[in-house]
Amino acid sequence: MIKFIIPAVIVFLIVLFWEKITEFAEKKLNIKLNYIVVSSIIVFIAVVLLLLNY
């Protein structure tokens, strides 16, 4: 049950604080956020698949 709740909470927090995350990335890191979004989606999918297998 926990393996389904943890990824859902992580996605919810990302959606909730998306504007603050983008502002931080633009001001402090000077990184285009598209790369971060793509990599985080890939990591999220990998985590969900690993949790479903174990």
PDB file of N, CA and C in Angstrom:
ATOM      1  N   MET A   1       0.819  -1.194   0.000  1.00  0.00           N
ATOM      2  CA  MET A   1       0.000   0.000   0.000  1.00  0.00           C
ATOM      3  C   MET A   1       0.865   1.262   0.000  1.00  0.00           C
ATOM      4  N   ILE A   2       1.957   1.219   0.757  1.00  0.00           N
ATOM      5  CA  ILE A   2       2.843   2.383   0.835  1.00  0.00           C
ATOM      6  C   ILE A   2       3.503   2.649  -0.510  1.00  0.00           C
ATOM      7  N   LYS A   3       3.779   1.599  -1.276  1.00  0.00           N
ATOM      8  CA  LYS A   3       4.445   1.790  -2.555  1.00  0.00           C
ATOM      9  C   LYS A   3       3.573   2.523  -3.570  1.00  0.00           C
ATOM     10  N   PHE A   4       2.277   2.606  -3.331  1.00  0.00           N
ATOM     11  CA  PHE A   4       1.403   3.386  -4.194  1.00  0.00           C
ATOM     12  C   PHE A   4       1.210   4.800  -3.665  1.00  0.00           C
ATOM     13  N   ILE A   5       1.291   4.963  -2.364  1.00  0.00           N
ATOM     14  CA  ILE A   5       1.043   6.268  -1.750  1.00  0.00           C
ATOM     15  C   ILE A   5       2.232   7.205  -1.922  1.00  0.00           C
ATOM     16  N   ILE A   6       3.444   6.706  -1.763  1.00  0.00           N
ATOM     17  CA  ILE A   6       4.637   7.558  -1.828  1.00  0.00           C
ATOM     18  C   ILE A   6       4.788   8.249  -3.189  1.00  0.00           C
ATOM     19  N   PRO A   7       4.692   7.535  -4.319  1.00  0.00           N
ATOM     20  CA  PRO A   7       4.783   8.257  -5.600  1.00  0.00           C
ATOM     21  C   PRO A   7       3.631   9.238  -5.819  1.00  0.00           C
ATOM     22  N   ALA A   8       2.451   8.913  -5.324  1.00  0.00           N
ATOM     23  CA  ALA A   8       1.319   9.828  -5.467  1.00  0.00           C
ATOM     24  C   ALA A   8       1.555  11.102  -4.671  1.00  0.00           C
ATOM     25  N   VAL A   9       2.104  10.989  -3.485  1.00  0.00           N
ATOM     26  CA  VAL A   9       2.406  12.171  -2.667  1.00  0.00           C
ATOM     27  C   VAL A   9       3.487  13.011  -3.324  1.00  0.00           C
ATOM     28  N   ILE A  10       4.495  12.373  -3.887  1.00  0.00           N
ATOM     29  CA  ILE A  10       5.575  13.108  -4.553  1.00  0.00           C
ATOM     30  C   ILE A  10       5.040  13.893  -5.745  1.00  0.00           C
ATOM     31  N   VAL A  11       4.204  13.267  -6.553  1.00  0.00           N
ATOM     32  CA  VAL A  11       3.617  13.953  -7.706  1.00  0.00           C
ATOM     33  C   VAL A  11       2.725  15.101  -7.236  1.00  0.00           C
ATOM     34  N   PHE A  12       1.953  14.884  -6.198  1.00  0.00           N
ATOM     35  CA  PHE A  12       1.079  15.938  -5.671  1.00  0.00           C
ATOM     36  C   PHE A  12       1.890  17.141  -5.201  1.00  0.00           C
ATOM     37  N   LEU A  13       2.989  16.897  -4.505  1.00  0.00           N
ATOM     38  CA  LEU A  13       3.817  18.002  -4.030  1.00  0.00           C
ATOM     39  C   LEU A  13       4.484  18.748  -5.173  1.00  0.00           C
ATOM     40  N   ILE A  14       4.892  18.029  -6.206  1.00  0.00           N
ATOM     41  CA  ILE A  14       5.487  18.685  -7.375  1.00  0.00           C
ATOM     42  C   ILE A  14       4.461  19.583  -8.051  1.00  0.00           C
ATOM     43  N   VAL A  15       3.249  19.094  -8.201  1.00  0.00           N
ATOM     44  CA  VAL A  15       2.196  19.896  -8.832  1.00  0.00           C
ATOM     45  C   VAL A  15       1.836  21.089  -7.958  1.00  0.00           C
ATOM     46  N   LEU A  16       1.791  20.884  -6.662  1.00  0.00           N
ATOM     47  CA  LEU A  16       1.398  21.947  -5.736  1.00  0.00           C
ATOM     48  C   LEU A  16       2.410  23.088  -5.705  1.00  0.00           C
ATOM     49  N   PHE A  17       3.694  22.755  -5.726  1.00  0.00           N
ATOM     50  CA  PHE A  17       4.745  23.763  -5.610  1.00  0.00           C
ATOM     51  C   PHE A  17       5.467  24.012  -6.923  1.00  0.00           C
ATOM     52  N   TRP A  18       4.805  23.813  -8.050  1.00  0.00           N
ATOM     53  CA  TRP A  18       5.458  23.919  -9.352  1.00  0.00           C
ATOM     54  C   TRP A  18       6.008  25.316  -9.614  1.00  0.00           C
ATOM     55  N   GLU A  19       5.267  26.361  -9.263  1.00  0.00           N
ATOM     56  CA  GLU A  19       5.725  27.725  -9.525  1.00  0.00           C
ATOM     57  C   GLU A  19       6.976  28.056  -8.717  1.00  0.00           C
ATOM     58  N   LYS A  20       7.014  27.627  -7.480  1.00  0.00           N
ATOM     59  CA  LYS A  20       8.196  27.879  -6.659  1.00  0.00           C
ATOM     60  C   LYS A  20       9.400  27.104  -7.183  1.00  0.00           C
ATOM     61  N   ILE A  21       9.164  25.909  -7.673  1.00  0.00           N
ATOM     62  CA  ILE A  21      10.252  25.107  -8.233  1.00  0.00           C
ATOM     63  C   ILE A  21      10.813  25.771  -9.482  1.00  0.00           C
ATOM     64  N   THR A  22       9.937  26.277 -10.347  1.00  0.00           N
ATOM     65  CA  THR A  22      10.415  26.927 -11.568  1.00  0.00           C
ATOM     66  C   THR A  22      11.163  28.215 -11.260  1.00  0.00           C
ATOM     67  N   GLU A  23      10.661  28.990 -10.315  1.00  0.00           N
ATOM     68  CA  GLU A  23      11.360  30.226  -9.948  1.00  0.00           C
ATOM     69  C   GLU A  23      12.741  29.925  -9.380  1.00  0.00           C
ATOM     70  N   PHE A  24      12.837  28.924  -8.536  1.00  0.00           N
ATOM     71  CA  PHE A  24      14.133  28.558  -7.958  1.00  0.00           C
ATOM     72  C   PHE A  24      15.098  28.094  -9.035  1.00  0.00           C
ATOM     73  N   ALA A  25      14.617  27.285  -9.966  1.00  0.00           N
ATOM     74  CA  ALA A  25      15.481  26.765 -11.021  1.00  0.00           C
ATOM     75  C   ALA A  25      15.964  27.881 -11.937  1.00  0.00           C
ATOM     76  N   GLU A  26      15.114  28.840 -12.218  1.00  0.00           N
ATOM     77  CA  GLU A  26      15.506  29.927 -13.109  1.00  0.00           C
ATOM     78  C   GLU A  26      16.455  30.910 -12.431  1.00  0.00           C
ATOM     79  N   LYS A  27      16.192  31.246 -11.176  1.00  0.00           N
ATOM     80  CA  LYS A  27      17.013  32.248 -10.499  1.00  0.00           C
ATOM     81  C   LYS A  27      18.344  31.692 -10.007  1.00  0.00           C
ATOM     82  N   LYS A  28      18.303  30.586  -9.314  1.00  0.00           N
ATOM     83  CA  LYS A  28      19.504  30.078  -8.657  1.00  0.00           C
ATOM     84  C   LYS A  28      20.352  29.198  -9.567  1.00  0.00           C
ATOM     85  N   LEU A  29      19.720  28.325 -10.326  1.00  0.00           N
ATOM     86  CA  LEU A  29      20.474  27.325 -11.069  1.00  0.00           C
ATOM     87  C   LEU A  29      20.720  27.690 -12.526  1.00  0.00           C
ATOM     88  N   ASN A  30      19.929  28.605 -13.063  1.00  0.00           N
ATOM     89  CA  ASN A  30      20.019  29.005 -14.470  1.00  0.00           C
ATOM     90  C   ASN A  30      19.956  27.791 -15.410  1.00  0.00           C
ATOM     91  N   ILE A  31      19.028  26.915 -15.132  1.00  0.00           N
ATOM     92  CA  ILE A  31      18.844  25.710 -15.929  1.00  0.00           C
ATOM     93  C   ILE A  31      17.466  25.771 -16.574  1.00  0.00           C
ATOM     94  N   LYS A  32      17.422  25.359 -17.833  1.00  0.00           N
ATOM     95  CA  LYS A  32      16.126  25.258 -18.479  1.00  0.00           C
ATOM     96  C   LYS A  32      15.331  24.146 -17.810  1.00  0.00           C
ATOM     97  N   LEU A  33      14.107  24.442 -17.485  1.00  0.00           N
ATOM     98  CA  LEU A  33      13.314  23.509 -16.695  1.00  0.00           C
ATOM     99  C   LEU A  33      12.831  22.325 -17.510  1.00  0.00           C
ATOM    100  N   ASN A  34      12.858  22.420 -18.821  1.00  0.00           N
ATOM    101  CA  ASN A  34      12.392  21.308 -19.643  1.00  0.00           C
ATOM    102  C   ASN A  34      13.227  20.053 -19.404  1.00  0.00           C
ATOM    103  N   TYR A  35      14.530  20.221 -19.235  1.00  0.00           N
ATOM    104  CA  TYR A  35      15.389  19.075 -18.971  1.00  0.00           C
ATOM    105  C   TYR A  35      15.055  18.445 -17.624  1.00  0.00           C
ATOM    106  N   ILE A  36      14.770  19.277 -16.641  1.00  0.00           N
ATOM    107  CA  ILE A  36      14.425  18.778 -15.320  1.00  0.00           C
ATOM    108  C   ILE A  36      13.094  18.035 -15.367  1.00  0.00           C
ATOM    109  N   VAL A  37      12.137  18.566 -16.099  1.00  0.00           N
ATOM    110  CA  VAL A  37      10.826  17.924 -16.195  1.00  0.00           C
ATOM    111  C   VAL A  37      10.946  16.562 -16.859  1.00  0.00           C
ATOM    112  N   VAL A  38      11.665  16.499 -17.935  1.00  0.00           N
ATOM    113  CA  VAL A  38      11.813  15.232 -18.658  1.00  0.00           C
ATOM    114  C   VAL A  38      12.541  14.204 -17.795  1.00  0.00           C
ATOM    115  N   SER A  39      13.600  14.606 -17.144  1.00  0.00           N
ATOM    116  CA  SER A  39      14.337  13.657 -16.310  1.00  0.00           C
ATOM    117  C   SER A  39      13.530  13.225 -15.094  1.00  0.00           C
ATOM    118  N   SER A  40      12.754  14.131 -14.506  1.00  0.00           N
ATOM    119  CA  SER A  40      11.949  13.745 -13.347  1.00  0.00           C
ATOM    120  C   SER A  40      10.822  12.801 -13.739  1.00  0.00           C
ATOM    121  N   ILE A  41      10.256  12.973 -14.910  1.00  0.00           N
ATOM    122  CA  ILE A  41       9.214  12.060 -15.369  1.00  0.00           C
ATOM    123  C   ILE A  41       9.798  10.668 -15.591  1.00  0.00           C
ATOM    124  N   ILE A  42      10.967  10.598 -16.173  1.00  0.00           N
ATOM    125  CA  ILE A  42      11.613   9.305 -16.399  1.00  0.00           C
ATOM    126  C   ILE A  42      11.937   8.630 -15.068  1.00  0.00           C
ATOM    127  N   VAL A  43      12.453   9.391 -14.123  1.00  0.00           N
ATOM    128  CA  VAL A  43      12.765   8.831 -12.805  1.00  0.00           C
ATOM    129  C   VAL A  43      11.489   8.374 -12.103  1.00  0.00           C
ATOM    130  N   PHE A  44      10.430   9.153 -12.205  1.00  0.00           N
ATOM    131  CA  PHE A  44       9.163   8.793 -11.577  1.00  0.00           C
ATOM    132  C   PHE A  44       8.613   7.490 -12.147  1.00  0.00           C
ATOM    133  N   ILE A  45       8.643   7.360 -13.448  1.00  0.00           N
ATOM    134  CA  ILE A  45       8.151   6.128 -14.083  1.00  0.00           C
ATOM    135  C   ILE A  45       9.004   4.941 -13.667  1.00  0.00           C
ATOM    136  N   ALA A  46      10.307   5.125 -13.595  1.00  0.00           N
ATOM    137  CA  ALA A  46      11.197   4.041 -13.178  1.00  0.00           C
ATOM    138  C   ALA A  46      10.921   3.632 -11.733  1.00  0.00           C
ATOM    139  N   VAL A  47      10.703   4.593 -10.856  1.00  0.00           N
ATOM    140  CA  VAL A  47      10.416   4.285  -9.451  1.00  0.00           C
ATOM    141  C   VAL A  47       9.103   3.529  -9.325  1.00  0.00           C
ATOM    142  N   VAL A  48       8.089   3.971 -10.034  1.00  0.00           N
ATOM    143  CA  VAL A  48       6.792   3.294  -9.967  1.00  0.00           C
ATOM    144  C   VAL A  48       6.914   1.857 -10.474  1.00  0.00           C
ATOM    145  N   LEU A  49       7.618   1.672 -11.563  1.00  0.00           N
ATOM    146  CA  LEU A  49       7.776   0.311 -12.096  1.00  0.00           C
ATOM    147  C   LEU A  49       8.569  -0.570 -11.133  1.00  0.00           C
ATOM    148  N   LEU A  50       9.609  -0.033 -10.525  1.00  0.00           N
ATOM    149  CA  LEU A  50      10.371  -0.817  -9.562  1.00  0.00           C
ATOM    150  C   LEU A  50       9.546  -1.159  -8.336  1.00  0.00           C
ATOM    151  N   LEU A  51       8.749  -0.218  -7.861  1.00  0.00           N
ATOM    152  CA  LEU A  51       7.923  -0.506  -6.702  1.00  0.00           C
ATOM    153  C   LEU A  51       6.824  -1.507  -7.011  1.00  0.00           C
ATOM    154  N   LEU A  52       6.322  -1.498  -8.199  1.00  0.00           N
ATOM    155  CA  LEU A  52       5.294  -2.463  -8.567  1.00  0.00           C
ATOM    156  C   LEU A  52       5.870  -3.874  -8.696  1.00  0.00           C
ATOM    157  N   ASN A  53       7.132  -3.967  -9.097  1.00  0.00           N
ATOM    158  CA  ASN A  53       7.751  -5.281  -9.251  1.00  0.00           C
ATOM    159  C   ASN A  53       8.134  -5.893  -7.911  1.00  0.00           C
ATOM    160  N   TYR A  54       8.451  -5.077  -6.922  1.00  0.00           N
ATOM    161  CA  TYR A  54       8.858  -5.608  -5.621  1.00  0.00           C
ATOM    162  C   TYR A  54       7.728  -5.418  -4.673  1.00  0.00           C
TER     163      TYR A  54
END
